[in-house]
C-alpha atoms as a PDB file:
ATOM      1  CA  MET A   1       5.330  -2.884  13.305  1.00  0.00           C
ATOM      2  CA  HIS A   2       8.602  -0.642  14.445  1.00  0.00           C
ATOM      3  CA  VAL A   3      10.579   1.223  11.567  1.00  0.00           C
ATOM      4  CA  LEU A   4      13.367   3.337  11.905  1.00  0.00           C
ATOM      5  CA  MET A   5      13.391   5.892   8.685  1.00  0.00           C
ATOM      6  CA  ILE A   6      16.359   7.443   7.410  1.00  0.00           C
ATOM      7  CA  VAL A   7      16.370  10.830   5.624  1.00  0.00           C
ATOM      8  CA  PRO A   8      19.657  11.079   4.155  1.00  0.00           C
ATOM      9  CA  GLU A   9      18.867  14.898   2.181  1.00  0.00           C
ATOM     10  CA  ALA A  10      17.262  16.191   5.684  1.00  0.00           C
ATOM     11  CA  ARG A  11      19.719  18.845   6.708  1.00  0.00           C
ATOM     12  CA  THR A  12      17.351  20.051   9.648  1.00  0.00           C
ATOM     13  CA  ARG A  13      14.444  18.820  11.429  1.00  0.00           C
ATOM     14  CA  LYS A  14      12.248  20.891   9.352  1.00  0.00           C
ATOM     15  CA  ASP A  15      13.378  18.534   6.490  1.00  0.00           C
ATOM     16  CA  LYS A  16      12.593  15.685   8.128  1.00  0.00           C
ATOM     17  CA  ARG A  17       9.519  16.341   9.501  1.00  0.00           C
ATOM     18  CA  GLN A  18       8.261  17.361   5.729  1.00  0.00           C
ATOM     19  CA  ALA A  19       9.587  14.128   4.403  1.00  0.00           C
ATOM     20  CA  ILE A  20       8.332  12.346   7.040  1.00  0.00           C
ATOM     21  CA  ARG A  21       4.856  13.283   6.876  1.00  0.00           C
ATOM     22  CA  SER A  22       4.832  12.835   3.358  1.00  0.00           C
ATOM     23  CA  LEU A  23       5.332   8.805   3.920  1.00  0.00           C
ATOM     24  CA  THR A  24       3.420   8.567   7.276  1.00  0.00           C
ATOM     25  CA  ASP A  25       0.160  10.164   4.958  1.00  0.00           C
ATOM     26  CA  LYS A  26       1.104   8.082   1.990  1.00  0.00           C
ATOM     27  CA  ILE A  27       1.065   4.867   4.317  1.00  0.00           C
ATOM     28  CA  LYS A  28      -2.090   5.748   6.149  1.00  0.00           C
ATOM     29  CA  HIS A  29      -4.116   6.547   3.063  1.00  0.00           C
ATOM     30  CA  ARG A  30      -2.738   3.643   0.517  1.00  0.00           C
ATOM     31  CA  PHE A  31      -3.063   0.980   3.650  1.00  0.00           C
ATOM     32  CA  ASN A  32      -5.224   0.395   6.810  1.00  0.00           C
ATOM     33  CA  VAL A  33      -2.610   1.477   9.271  1.00  0.00           C
ATOM     34  CA  SER A  34      -2.098   4.060  11.562  1.00  0.00           C
ATOM     35  CA  CYS A  35       1.459   5.974  12.165  1.00  0.00           C
ATOM     36  CA  HIS A  36       2.934   7.080  15.282  1.00  0.00           C
ATOM     37  CA  LEU A  37       6.352   8.929  15.452  1.00  0.00           C
ATOM     38  CA  LEU A  38       8.499   7.662  18.079  1.00  0.00           C
ATOM     39  CA  GLY A  39      11.096   9.794  20.422  1.00  0.00           C
ATOM     40  CA  HIS A  40      11.890  13.343  19.603  1.00  0.00           C
ATOM     41  CA  GLY A  41      14.307  12.554  16.857  1.00  0.00           C
ATOM     42  CA  ASP A  42      17.148  14.588  17.479  1.00  0.00           C
ATOM     43  CA  HIS A  43      18.844  13.475  14.503  1.00  0.00           C
ATOM     44  CA  PRO A  44      17.812  15.546  11.683  1.00  0.00           C
ATOM     45  CA  GLY A  45      18.028  12.782   8.841  1.00  0.00           C
ATOM     46  CA  ARG A  46      16.418   9.692  11.604  1.00  0.00           C
ATOM     47  CA  GLN A  47      12.886   8.949  12.588  1.00  0.00           C
ATOM     48  CA  ARG A  48      11.359   6.075  14.693  1.00  0.00           C
ATOM     49  CA  ILE A  49       7.905   5.191  13.094  1.00  0.00           C
ATOM     50  CA  ILE A  50       5.531   2.937  15.329  1.00  0.00           C
ATOM     51  CA  LEU A  51       2.855   1.286  12.817  1.00  0.00           C
ATOM     52  CA  THR A  52      -0.531  -0.205  13.956  1.00  0.00           C
ATOM     53  CA  THR A  53      -3.579  -1.892  13.044  1.00  0.00           C
ATOM     54  CA  ALA A  54      -6.096  -4.493  13.670  1.00  0.00           C
ATOM     55  CA  GLY A  55      -7.776  -7.330  12.138  1.00  0.00           C
ATOM     56  CA  GLY A  56      -9.744 -10.098  12.312  1.00  0.00           C
ATOM     57  CA  ASP A  57      -7.115 -12.614  13.076  1.00  0.00           C
ATOM     58  CA  MET A  58      -3.706 -12.799  13.282  1.00  0.00           C
ATOM     59  CA  ALA A  59      -2.492 -13.681   9.463  1.00  0.00           C
ATOM     60  CA  SER A  60      -4.416 -10.503   8.138  1.00  0.00           C
ATOM     61  CA  VAL A  61      -2.697  -8.443  10.403  1.00  0.00           C
ATOM     62  CA  LYS A  62       0.671  -9.719   9.574  1.00  0.00           C
ATOM     63  CA  GLN A  63      -0.854  -9.423   5.498  1.00  0.00           C
ATOM     64  CA  ALA A  64      -0.963  -5.844   5.984  1.00  0.00           C
ATOM     65  CA  PHE A  65       2.280  -5.127   7.628  1.00  0.00           C
ATOM     66  CA  GLU A  66       4.028  -7.288   5.021  1.00  0.00           C
ATOM     67  CA  THR A  67       2.483  -5.253   2.260  1.00  0.00           C
ATOM     68  CA  VAL A  68       3.960  -1.829   3.972  1.00  0.00           C
ATOM     69  CA  ARG A  69       6.869  -3.592   4.417  1.00  0.00           C
ATOM     70  CA  ALA A  70       7.572  -4.099   0.424  1.00  0.00           C
ATOM     71  CA  PHE A  71       6.057  -0.671   0.330  1.00  0.00           C
ATOM     72  CA  LEU A  72       8.571   0.861   2.255  1.00  0.00           C
ATOM     73  CA  GLN A  73      11.627  -1.241   0.682  1.00  0.00           C
ATOM     74  CA  SER A  74      10.542  -0.221  -3.070  1.00  0.00           C
ATOM     75  CA  TYR A  75      10.208   3.582  -1.609  1.00  0.00           C
ATOM     76  CA  ASP A  76      12.562   5.995  -3.049  1.00  0.00           C
END
């Protein structure tokens, strides 16, 4: 799953790293997925993230990603 995170309150890369780290830690602990940062993220307010997981069948993998997607959409 590919996600583009936008952190509007991030003015520096450090601000962005703190916000992204907090979010990816929550995702990793709440769901059975791995988070990988994609690219250097030169823009302080944006970061691309790749989420990966494994499962016994495609339906369980899709369900896991749908659960993560719902969490991200409701995240403030």
